[in-house]
Amino acid sequence: LAVNPRKRWRELMEARRPLYTEVARAVVGTGGRT
C-alpha cells in the first residue's frame, strides 16, 4: 500500500475478495461495529 494506498487497496480487494469469500465459512462485516 506504499504508493497510492487508496487505489492500491481497491485493486487488492478486487483481486482478493472472491478468494476471501471462497475460503470463508462466514463473512462478518466490520462497518459501524466496535
Full PDB file with SEQRES, HELIX, SHEET, SSBOND, CRYST1, ORIGX, SCALE, CONECT and MASTER records, all heavy atoms in Angstrom:
SEQRES   1 A   34  LEU ALA VAL ASN PRO ARG LYS ARG TRP ARG GLU LEU MET          
SEQRES   2 A   34  GLU ALA ARG ARG PRO LEU TYR THR GLU VAL ALA ARG ALA          
SEQRES   3 A   34  VAL VAL GLY THR GLY GLY ARG THR                              
HELIX    1 AA1 PRO A    5  VAL A   23  1                                  19    
CRYST1    1.000    1.000    1.000  90.00  90.00  90.00 P 1           1          
ORIGX1      1.000000  0.000000  0.000000        0.00000                         
ORIGX2      0.000000  1.000000  0.000000        0.00000                         
ORIGX3      0.000000  0.000000  1.000000        0.00000                         
SCALE1      1.000000  0.000000  0.000000        0.00000                         
SCALE2      0.000000  1.000000  0.000000        0.00000                         
SCALE3      0.000000  0.000000  1.000000        0.00000                         
ATOM      1  N   LEU A   1       0.822  -1.209   0.000  1.00  0.00           N  
ATOM      2  CA  LEU A   1       0.000   0.000   0.000  1.00  0.00           C  
ATOM      3  C   LEU A   1       0.858   1.263   0.000  1.00  0.00           C  
ATOM      4  O   LEU A   1       0.373   2.345   0.265  1.00  0.00           O  
ATOM      5  CB  LEU A   1      -0.929   0.011   1.227  1.00  0.00           C  
ATOM      6  CG  LEU A   1      -1.921  -1.147   1.327  1.00  0.00           C  
ATOM      7  CD1 LEU A   1      -2.736  -1.026   2.610  1.00  0.00           C  
ATOM      8  CD2 LEU A   1      -2.830  -1.207   0.123  1.00  0.00           C  
ATOM      9  N   ALA A   2       2.139   1.122  -0.308  1.00  0.00           N  
ATOM     10  CA  ALA A   2       3.067   2.244  -0.201  1.00  0.00           C  
ATOM     11  C   ALA A   2       2.788   3.366  -1.190  1.00  0.00           C  
ATOM     12  O   ALA A   2       2.935   4.530  -0.871  1.00  0.00           O  
ATOM     13  CB  ALA A   2       4.500   1.748  -0.366  1.00  0.00           C  
ATOM     14  N   VAL A   3       2.393   3.029  -2.405  1.00  0.00           N  
ATOM     15  CA  VAL A   3       2.146   4.043  -3.429  1.00  0.00           C  
ATOM     16  C   VAL A   3       0.646   4.092  -3.712  1.00  0.00           C  
ATOM     17  O   VAL A   3       0.041   3.066  -4.019  1.00  0.00           O  
ATOM     18  CB  VAL A   3       2.919   3.699  -4.726  1.00  0.00           C  
ATOM     19  CG1 VAL A   3       2.626   4.708  -5.820  1.00  0.00           C  
ATOM     20  CG2 VAL A   3       4.406   3.624  -4.443  1.00  0.00           C  
ATOM     21  N   ASN A   4       0.055   5.280  -3.600  1.00  0.00           N  
ATOM     22  CA  ASN A   4      -1.371   5.485  -3.816  1.00  0.00           C  
ATOM     23  C   ASN A   4      -2.185   4.434  -3.057  1.00  0.00           C  
ATOM     24  O   ASN A   4      -2.826   3.573  -3.665  1.00  0.00           O  
ATOM     25  CB  ASN A   4      -1.709   5.467  -5.309  1.00  0.00           C  
ATOM     26  CG  ASN A   4      -3.086   6.046  -5.581  1.00  0.00           C  
ATOM     27  OD1 ASN A   4      -3.896   6.231  -4.676  1.00  0.00           O  
ATOM     28  ND2 ASN A   4      -3.355   6.317  -6.848  1.00  0.00           N  
ATOM     29  N   PRO A   5      -2.174   4.473  -1.730  1.00  0.00           N  
ATOM     30  CA  PRO A   5      -2.772   3.409  -0.933  1.00  0.00           C  
ATOM     31  C   PRO A   5      -4.264   3.179  -1.173  1.00  0.00           C  
ATOM     32  O   PRO A   5      -4.707   2.050  -1.163  1.00  0.00           O  
ATOM     33  CB  PRO A   5      -2.504   3.825   0.509  1.00  0.00           C  
ATOM     34  CG  PRO A   5      -2.018   5.216   0.457  1.00  0.00           C  
ATOM     35  CD  PRO A   5      -1.538   5.494  -0.915  1.00  0.00           C  
ATOM     36  N   ARG A   6      -5.031   4.226  -1.397  1.00  0.00           N  
ATOM     37  CA  ARG A   6      -6.474   4.029  -1.621  1.00  0.00           C  
ATOM     38  C   ARG A   6      -6.724   3.247  -2.909  1.00  0.00           C  
ATOM     39  O   ARG A   6      -7.496   2.292  -2.917  1.00  0.00           O  
ATOM     40  CB  ARG A   6      -7.202   5.366  -1.667  1.00  0.00           C  
ATOM     41  CG  ARG A   6      -7.266   6.055  -0.334  1.00  0.00           C  
ATOM     42  CD  ARG A   6      -7.822   7.474  -0.477  1.00  0.00           C  
ATOM     43  NE  ARG A   6      -7.567   8.235   0.709  1.00  0.00           N  
ATOM     44  CZ  ARG A   6      -8.469   8.473   1.646  1.00  0.00           C  
ATOM     45  NH1 ARG A   6      -9.687   8.033   1.507  1.00  0.00           N  
ATOM     46  NH2 ARG A   6      -8.155   9.168   2.716  1.00  0.00           N  
ATOM     47  N   LYS A   7      -6.057   3.643  -3.966  1.00  0.00           N  
ATOM     48  CA  LYS A   7      -6.230   2.950  -5.242  1.00  0.00           C  
ATOM     49  C   LYS A   7      -5.715   1.518  -5.138  1.00  0.00           C  
ATOM     50  O   LYS A   7      -6.364   0.574  -5.596  1.00  0.00           O  
ATOM     51  CB  LYS A   7      -5.477   3.697  -6.350  1.00  0.00           C  
ATOM     52  CG  LYS A   7      -5.586   3.025  -7.700  1.00  0.00           C  
ATOM     53  CD  LYS A   7      -4.822   3.782  -8.771  1.00  0.00           C  
ATOM     54  CE  LYS A   7      -4.985   3.059 -10.086  1.00  0.00           C  
ATOM     55  NZ  LYS A   7      -3.807   3.065 -10.885  1.00  0.00           N  
ATOM     56  N   ARG A   8      -4.559   1.362  -4.520  1.00  0.00           N  
ATOM     57  CA  ARG A   8      -3.967   0.029  -4.400  1.00  0.00           C  
ATOM     58  C   ARG A   8      -4.826  -0.883  -3.536  1.00  0.00           C  
ATOM     59  O   ARG A   8      -4.996  -2.056  -3.844  1.00  0.00           O  
ATOM     60  CB  ARG A   8      -2.548   0.155  -3.812  1.00  0.00           C  
ATOM     61  CG  ARG A   8      -1.793  -1.134  -3.805  1.00  0.00           C  
ATOM     62  CD  ARG A   8      -1.468  -1.607  -5.227  1.00  0.00           C  
ATOM     63  NE  ARG A   8      -0.785  -2.878  -5.119  1.00  0.00           N  
ATOM     64  CZ  ARG A   8      -1.169  -4.001  -5.707  1.00  0.00           C  
ATOM     65  NH1 ARG A   8      -2.213  -4.011  -6.491  1.00  0.00           N  
ATOM     66  NH2 ARG A   8      -0.513  -5.119  -5.527  1.00  0.00           N  
ATOM     67  N   TRP A   9      -5.412  -0.357  -2.453  1.00  0.00           N  
ATOM     68  CA  TRP A   9      -6.283  -1.158  -1.589  1.00  0.00           C  
ATOM     69  C   TRP A   9      -7.491  -1.647  -2.394  1.00  0.00           C  
ATOM     70  O   TRP A   9      -7.876  -2.809  -2.293  1.00  0.00           O  
ATOM     71  CB  TRP A   9      -6.718  -0.334  -0.378  1.00  0.00           C  
ATOM     72  CG  TRP A   9      -7.395  -1.144   0.691  1.00  0.00           C  
ATOM     73  CD1 TRP A   9      -6.796  -1.746   1.747  1.00  0.00           C  
ATOM     74  CD2 TRP A   9      -8.788  -1.446   0.797  1.00  0.00           C  
ATOM     75  NE1 TRP A   9      -7.740  -2.403   2.503  1.00  0.00           N  
ATOM     76  CE2 TRP A   9      -8.964  -2.238   1.947  1.00  0.00           C  
ATOM     77  CE3 TRP A   9      -9.909  -1.129   0.034  1.00  0.00           C  
ATOM     78  CZ2 TRP A   9     -10.210  -2.711   2.350  1.00  0.00           C  
ATOM     79  CZ3 TRP A   9     -11.153  -1.606   0.431  1.00  0.00           C  
ATOM     80  CH2 TRP A   9     -11.294  -2.384   1.579  1.00  0.00           C  
ATOM     81  N   ARG A  10      -8.078  -0.754  -3.193  1.00  0.00           N  
ATOM     82  CA  ARG A  10      -9.223  -1.152  -4.034  1.00  0.00           C  
ATOM     83  C   ARG A  10      -8.831  -2.275  -4.991  1.00  0.00           C  
ATOM     84  O   ARG A  10      -9.571  -3.237  -5.179  1.00  0.00           O  
ATOM     85  CB  ARG A  10      -9.750   0.042  -4.836  1.00  0.00           C  
ATOM     86  CG  ARG A  10     -10.667   0.940  -4.078  1.00  0.00           C  
ATOM     87  CD  ARG A  10     -11.361   1.932  -5.041  1.00  0.00           C  
ATOM     88  NE  ARG A  10     -11.877   3.045  -4.295  1.00  0.00           N  
ATOM     89  CZ  ARG A  10     -11.270   4.220  -4.171  1.00  0.00           C  
ATOM     90  NH1 ARG A  10     -10.133   4.457  -4.772  1.00  0.00           N  
ATOM     91  NH2 ARG A  10     -11.807   5.180  -3.463  1.00  0.00           N  
ATOM     92  N   GLU A  11      -7.662  -2.143  -5.619  1.00  0.00           N  
ATOM     93  CA  GLU A  11      -7.181  -3.174  -6.549  1.00  0.00           C  
ATOM     94  C   GLU A  11      -6.957  -4.499  -5.828  1.00  0.00           C  
ATOM     95  O   GLU A  11      -7.334  -5.562  -6.349  1.00  0.00           O  
ATOM     96  CB  GLU A  11      -5.889  -2.714  -7.227  1.00  0.00           C  
ATOM     97  CG  GLU A  11      -6.075  -1.558  -8.171  1.00  0.00           C  
ATOM     98  CD  GLU A  11      -4.756  -0.917  -8.614  1.00  0.00           C  
ATOM     99  OE1 GLU A  11      -3.681  -1.297  -8.092  1.00  0.00           O  
ATOM    100  OE2 GLU A  11      -4.814  -0.037  -9.486  1.00  0.00           O  
ATOM    101  N   LEU A  12      -6.349  -4.441  -4.647  1.00  0.00           N  
ATOM    102  CA  LEU A  12      -6.134  -5.656  -3.865  1.00  0.00           C  
ATOM    103  C   LEU A  12      -7.466  -6.327  -3.541  1.00  0.00           C  
ATOM    104  O   LEU A  12      -7.604  -7.546  -3.657  1.00  0.00           O  
ATOM    105  CB  LEU A  12      -5.379  -5.356  -2.568  1.00  0.00           C  
ATOM    106  CG  LEU A  12      -3.909  -4.989  -2.682  1.00  0.00           C  
ATOM    107  CD1 LEU A  12      -3.351  -4.589  -1.313  1.00  0.00           C  
ATOM    108  CD2 LEU A  12      -3.100  -6.126  -3.263  1.00  0.00           C  
ATOM    109  N   MET A  13      -8.436  -5.532  -3.136  1.00  0.00           N  
ATOM    110  CA  MET A  13      -9.741  -6.097  -2.778  1.00  0.00           C  
ATOM    111  C   MET A  13     -10.456  -6.696  -3.985  1.00  0.00           C  
ATOM    112  O   MET A  13     -11.112  -7.726  -3.858  1.00  0.00           O  
ATOM    113  CB  MET A  13     -10.625  -5.054  -2.099  1.00  0.00           C  
ATOM    114  CG  MET A  13     -10.325  -4.902  -0.635  1.00  0.00           C  
ATOM    115  SD  MET A  13     -10.419  -6.465   0.304  1.00  0.00           S  
ATOM    116  CE  MET A  13     -12.169  -6.784   0.262  1.00  0.00           C  
ATOM    117  N   GLU A  14     -10.344  -6.063  -5.139  1.00  0.00           N  
ATOM    118  CA  GLU A  14     -10.954  -6.639  -6.346  1.00  0.00           C  
ATOM    119  C   GLU A  14     -10.380  -8.014  -6.633  1.00  0.00           C  
ATOM    120  O   GLU A  14     -11.100  -8.937  -7.003  1.00  0.00           O  
ATOM    121  CB  GLU A  14     -10.742  -5.713  -7.551  1.00  0.00           C  
ATOM    122  CG  GLU A  14     -11.625  -4.492  -7.547  1.00  0.00           C  
ATOM    123  CD  GLU A  14     -11.314  -3.540  -8.709  1.00  0.00           C  
ATOM    124  OE1 GLU A  14     -10.746  -3.994  -9.728  1.00  0.00           O  
ATOM    125  OE2 GLU A  14     -11.652  -2.359  -8.581  1.00  0.00           O  
ATOM    126  N   ALA A  15      -9.079  -8.170  -6.457  1.00  0.00           N  
ATOM    127  CA  ALA A  15      -8.420  -9.451  -6.706  1.00  0.00           C  
ATOM    128  C   ALA A  15      -8.683 -10.458  -5.593  1.00  0.00           C  
ATOM    129  O   ALA A  15      -8.842 -11.655  -5.853  1.00  0.00           O  
ATOM    130  CB  ALA A  15      -6.914  -9.241  -6.874  1.00  0.00           C  
ATOM    131  N   ARG A  16      -8.737  -9.993  -4.360  1.00  0.00           N  
ATOM    132  CA  ARG A  16      -8.789 -10.909  -3.223  1.00  0.00           C  
ATOM    133  C   ARG A  16     -10.187 -11.228  -2.708  1.00  0.00           C  
ATOM    134  O   ARG A  16     -10.390 -12.299  -2.135  1.00  0.00           O  
ATOM    135  CB  ARG A  16      -7.955 -10.340  -2.065  1.00  0.00           C  
ATOM    136  CG  ARG A  16      -6.478 -10.268  -2.388  1.00  0.00           C  
ATOM    137  CD  ARG A  16      -5.719  -9.620  -1.254  1.00  0.00           C  
ATOM    138  NE  ARG A  16      -4.293  -9.506  -1.563  1.00  0.00           N  
ATOM    139  CZ  ARG A  16      -3.424  -8.934  -0.765  1.00  0.00           C  
ATOM    140  NH1 ARG A  16      -3.815  -8.412   0.390  1.00  0.00           N  
ATOM    141  NH2 ARG A  16      -2.149  -8.867  -1.118  1.00  0.00           N  
ATOM    142  N   ARG A  17     -11.147 -10.329  -2.878  1.00  0.00           N  
ATOM    143  CA  ARG A  17     -12.498 -10.555  -2.323  1.00  0.00           C  
ATOM    144  C   ARG A  17     -13.057 -11.926  -2.717  1.00  0.00           C  
ATOM    145  O   ARG A  17     -13.541 -12.662  -1.846  1.00  0.00           O  
ATOM    146  CB  ARG A  17     -13.463  -9.442  -2.713  1.00  0.00           C  
ATOM    147  CG  ARG A  17     -14.861  -9.640  -2.098  1.00  0.00           C  
ATOM    148  CD  ARG A  17     -15.800  -8.501  -2.453  1.00  0.00           C  
ATOM    149  NE  ARG A  17     -15.332  -7.227  -1.948  1.00  0.00           N  
ATOM    150  CZ  ARG A  17     -15.496  -6.792  -0.697  1.00  0.00           C  
ATOM    151  NH1 ARG A  17     -16.093  -7.562   0.190  1.00  0.00           N  
ATOM    152  NH2 ARG A  17     -15.058  -5.613  -0.333  1.00  0.00           N  
ATOM    153  N   PRO A  18     -12.988 -12.326  -3.991  1.00  0.00           N  
ATOM    154  CA  PRO A  18     -13.522 -13.653  -4.332  1.00  0.00           C  
ATOM    155  C   PRO A  18     -12.785 -14.786  -3.612  1.00  0.00           C  
ATOM    156  O   PRO A  18     -13.390 -15.812  -3.287  1.00  0.00           O  
ATOM    157  CB  PRO A  18     -13.304 -13.759  -5.840  1.00  0.00           C  
ATOM    158  CG  PRO A  18     -13.089 -12.370  -6.323  1.00  0.00           C  
ATOM    159  CD  PRO A  18     -12.523 -11.599  -5.168  1.00  0.00           C  
ATOM    160  N   LEU A  19     -11.500 -14.598  -3.334  1.00  0.00           N  
ATOM    161  CA  LEU A  19     -10.713 -15.629  -2.657  1.00  0.00           C  
ATOM    162  C   LEU A  19     -11.046 -15.673  -1.163  1.00  0.00           C  
ATOM    163  O   LEU A  19     -11.144 -16.758  -0.575  1.00  0.00           O  
ATOM    164  CB  LEU A  19      -9.224 -15.396  -2.884  1.00  0.00           C  
ATOM    165  CG  LEU A  19      -8.805 -15.337  -4.356  1.00  0.00           C  
ATOM    166  CD1 LEU A  19      -7.329 -15.021  -4.487  1.00  0.00           C  
ATOM    167  CD2 LEU A  19      -9.167 -16.616  -5.087  1.00  0.00           C  
ATOM    168  N   TYR A  20     -11.220 -14.501  -0.550  1.00  0.00           N  
ATOM    169  CA  TYR A  20     -11.646 -14.466   0.852  1.00  0.00           C  
ATOM    170  C   TYR A  20     -12.996 -15.176   0.992  1.00  0.00           C  
ATOM    171  O   TYR A  20     -13.207 -15.972   1.903  1.00  0.00           O  
ATOM    172  CB  TYR A  20     -11.800 -13.024   1.358  1.00  0.00           C  
ATOM    173  CG  TYR A  20     -10.531 -12.215   1.482  1.00  0.00           C  
ATOM    174  CD1 TYR A  20     -10.506 -10.883   1.089  1.00  0.00           C  
ATOM    175  CD2 TYR A  20      -9.366 -12.754   2.021  1.00  0.00           C  
ATOM    176  CE1 TYR A  20      -9.362 -10.111   1.221  1.00  0.00           C  
ATOM    177  CE2 TYR A  20      -8.209 -11.997   2.148  1.00  0.00           C  
ATOM    178  CZ  TYR A  20      -8.217 -10.668   1.749  1.00  0.00           C  
ATOM    179  OH  TYR A  20      -7.087  -9.909   1.881  1.00  0.00           O  
ATOM    180  N   THR A  21     -13.898 -14.863   0.079  1.00  0.00           N  
ATOM    181  CA  THR A  21     -15.229 -15.460   0.118  1.00  0.00           C  
ATOM    182  C   THR A  21     -15.168 -16.966  -0.121  1.00  0.00           C  
ATOM    183  O   THR A  21     -15.887 -17.732   0.527  1.00  0.00           O  
ATOM    184  CB  THR A  21     -16.135 -14.778  -0.929  1.00  0.00           C  
ATOM    185  OG1 THR A  21     -16.141 -13.371  -0.662  1.00  0.00           O  
ATOM    186  CG2 THR A  21     -17.550 -15.292  -0.865  1.00  0.00           C  
ATOM    187  N   GLU A  22     -14.301 -17.390  -1.034  1.00  0.00           N  
ATOM    188  CA  GLU A  22     -14.152 -18.814  -1.348  1.00  0.00           C  
ATOM    189  C   GLU A  22     -13.758 -19.634  -0.124  1.00  0.00           C  
ATOM    190  O   GLU A  22     -14.283 -20.729   0.092  1.00  0.00           O  
ATOM    191  CB  GLU A  22     -13.087 -18.984  -2.439  1.00  0.00           C  
ATOM    192  CG  GLU A  22     -12.727 -20.411  -2.781  1.00  0.00           C  
ATOM    193  CD  GLU A  22     -11.529 -20.488  -3.716  1.00  0.00           C  
ATOM    194  OE1 GLU A  22     -11.386 -19.617  -4.600  1.00  0.00           O  
ATOM    195  OE2 GLU A  22     -10.720 -21.425  -3.558  1.00  0.00           O  
ATOM    196  N   VAL A  23     -12.839 -19.129   0.686  1.00  0.00           N  
ATOM    197  CA  VAL A  23     -12.340 -19.906   1.826  1.00  0.00           C  
ATOM    198  C   VAL A  23     -13.188 -19.738   3.086  1.00  0.00           C  
ATOM    199  O   VAL A  23     -13.038 -20.509   4.031  1.00  0.00           O  
ATOM    200  CB  VAL A  23     -10.862 -19.572   2.160  1.00  0.00           C  
ATOM    201  CG1 VAL A  23      -9.958 -19.867   0.979  1.00  0.00           C  
ATOM    202  CG2 VAL A  23     -10.703 -18.142   2.644  1.00  0.00           C  
ATOM    203  N   ALA A  24     -14.071 -18.754   3.113  1.00  0.00           N  
ATOM    204  CA  ALA A  24     -14.791 -18.412   4.337  1.00  0.00           C  
ATOM    205  C   ALA A  24     -16.028 -19.263   4.570  1.00  0.00           C  
ATOM    206  O   ALA A  24     -16.822 -19.486   3.662  1.00  0.00           O  
ATOM    207  CB  ALA A  24     -15.183 -16.939   4.305  1.00  0.00           C  
ATOM    208  N   ARG A  25     -16.163 -19.688   5.798  1.00  0.00           N  
ATOM    209  CA  ARG A  25     -17.401 -20.324   6.244  1.00  0.00           C  
ATOM    210  C   ARG A  25     -18.422 -19.229   6.555  1.00  0.00           C  
ATOM    211  O   ARG A  25     -19.621 -19.441   6.451  1.00  0.00           O  
ATOM    212  CB  ARG A  25     -17.138 -21.170   7.481  1.00  0.00           C  
ATOM    213  CG  ARG A  25     -18.339 -21.944   7.961  1.00  0.00           C  
ATOM    214  CD  ARG A  25     -18.028 -22.808   9.163  1.00  0.00           C  
ATOM    215  NE  ARG A  25     -17.079 -23.856   8.839  1.00  0.00           N  
ATOM    216  CZ  ARG A  25     -16.562 -24.686   9.739  1.00  0.00           C  
ATOM    217  NH1 ARG A  25     -16.910 -24.590  11.010  1.00  0.00           N  
ATOM    218  NH2 ARG A  25     -15.707 -25.609   9.390  1.00  0.00           N  
ATOM    219  N   ALA A  26     -17.928 -18.054   6.964  1.00  0.00           N  
ATOM    220  CA  ALA A  26     -18.792 -16.927   7.303  1.00  0.00           C  
ATOM    221  C   ALA A  26     -18.102 -15.626   6.906  1.00  0.00           C  
ATOM    222  O   ALA A  26     -16.883 -15.537   6.914  1.00  0.00           O  
ATOM    223  CB  ALA A  26     -19.085 -16.915   8.807  1.00  0.00           C  
ATOM    224  N   VAL A  27     -18.915 -14.635   6.556  1.00  0.00           N  
ATOM    225  CA  VAL A  27     -18.431 -13.292   6.257  1.00  0.00           C  
ATOM    226  C   VAL A  27     -19.035 -12.366   7.308  1.00  0.00           C  
ATOM    227  O   VAL A  27     -20.248 -12.364   7.510  1.00  0.00           O  
ATOM    228  CB  VAL A  27     -18.850 -12.830   4.841  1.00  0.00           C  
ATOM    229  CG1 VAL A  27     -18.391 -11.395   4.585  1.00  0.00           C  
ATOM    230  CG2 VAL A  27     -18.305 -13.778   3.786  1.00  0.00           C  
ATOM    231  N   VAL A  28     -18.181 -11.603   7.977  1.00  0.00           N  
ATOM    232  CA  VAL A  28     -18.637 -10.679   9.011  1.00  0.00           C  
ATOM    233  C   VAL A  28     -18.182  -9.279   8.620  1.00  0.00           C  
ATOM    234  O   VAL A  28     -16.988  -9.023   8.496  1.00  0.00           O  
ATOM    235  CB  VAL A  28     -18.083 -11.069  10.403  1.00  0.00           C  
ATOM    236  CG1 VAL A  28     -18.418  -9.996  11.441  1.00  0.00           C  
ATOM    237  CG2 VAL A  28     -18.623 -12.425  10.834  1.00  0.00           C  
ATOM    238  N   GLY A  29     -19.145  -8.404   8.408  1.00  0.00           N  
ATOM    239  CA  GLY A  29     -18.840  -7.014   8.104  1.00  0.00           C  
ATOM    240  C   GLY A  29     -18.420  -6.274   9.360  1.00  0.00           C  
ATOM    241  O   GLY A  29     -18.978  -6.511  10.432  1.00  0.00           O  
ATOM    242  N   THR A  30     -17.427  -5.411   9.218  1.00  0.00           N  
ATOM    243  CA  THR A  30     -16.919  -4.680  10.375  1.00  0.00           C  
ATOM    244  C   THR A  30     -17.435  -3.243  10.437  1.00  0.00           C  
ATOM    245  O   THR A  30     -17.251  -2.577  11.446  1.00  0.00           O  
ATOM    246  CB  THR A  30     -15.377  -4.654  10.373  1.00  0.00           C  
ATOM    247  OG1 THR A  30     -14.933  -3.952   9.209  1.00  0.00           O  
ATOM    248  CG2 THR A  30     -14.810  -6.065  10.385  1.00  0.00           C  
ATOM    249  N   GLY A  31     -18.057  -2.780   9.376  1.00  0.00           N  
ATOM    250  CA  GLY A  31     -18.504  -1.395   9.290  1.00  0.00           C  
ATOM    251  C   GLY A  31     -19.491  -1.022  10.386  1.00  0.00           C  
ATOM    252  O   GLY A  31     -20.465  -1.739  10.627  1.00  0.00           O  
ATOM    253  N   GLY A  32     -19.223   0.095  11.064  1.00  0.00           N  
ATOM    254  CA  GLY A  32     -20.130   0.607  12.081  1.00  0.00           C  
ATOM    255  C   GLY A  32     -20.170  -0.223  13.351  1.00  0.00           C  
ATOM    256  O   GLY A  32     -21.054  -0.036  14.179  1.00  0.00           O  
ATOM    257  N   ARG A  33     -19.225  -1.145  13.505  1.00  0.00           N  
ATOM    258  CA  ARG A  33     -19.201  -2.007  14.695  1.00  0.00           C  
ATOM    259  C   ARG A  33     -17.918  -1.780  15.485  1.00  0.00           C  
ATOM    260  O   ARG A  33     -16.864  -1.552  14.910  1.00  0.00           O  
ATOM    261  CB  ARG A  33     -19.240  -3.477  14.291  1.00  0.00           C  
ATOM    262  CG  ARG A  33     -20.545  -3.937  13.714  1.00  0.00           C  
ATOM    263  CD  ARG A  33     -20.423  -5.400  13.317  1.00  0.00           C  
ATOM    264  NE  ARG A  33     -21.728  -5.998  13.114  1.00  0.00           N  
ATOM    265  CZ  ARG A  33     -21.914  -7.168  12.530  1.00  0.00           C  
ATOM    266  NH1 ARG A  33     -20.889  -7.884  12.111  1.00  0.00           N  
ATOM    267  NH2 ARG A  33     -23.129  -7.652  12.378  1.00  0.00           N  
ATOM    268  N   THR A  34     -18.029  -1.918  16.785  1.00  0.00           N  
ATOM    269  CA  THR A  34     -16.846  -1.896  17.640  1.00  0.00           C  
ATOM    270  C   THR A  34     -16.149  -3.252  17.511  1.00  0.00           C  
ATOM    271  O   THR A  34     -16.772  -4.237  17.079  1.00  0.00           O  
ATOM    272  CB  THR A  34     -17.228  -1.676  19.120  1.00  0.00           C  
ATOM    273  OG1 THR A  34     -17.967  -2.820  19.567  1.00  0.00           O  
ATOM    274  CG2 THR A  34     -18.031  -0.395  19.313  1.00  0.00           C  
TER     275      THR A  34                                                      
MASTER        0    0    0    1    0    0    0    6  274    1    0    3          
END                                                                             
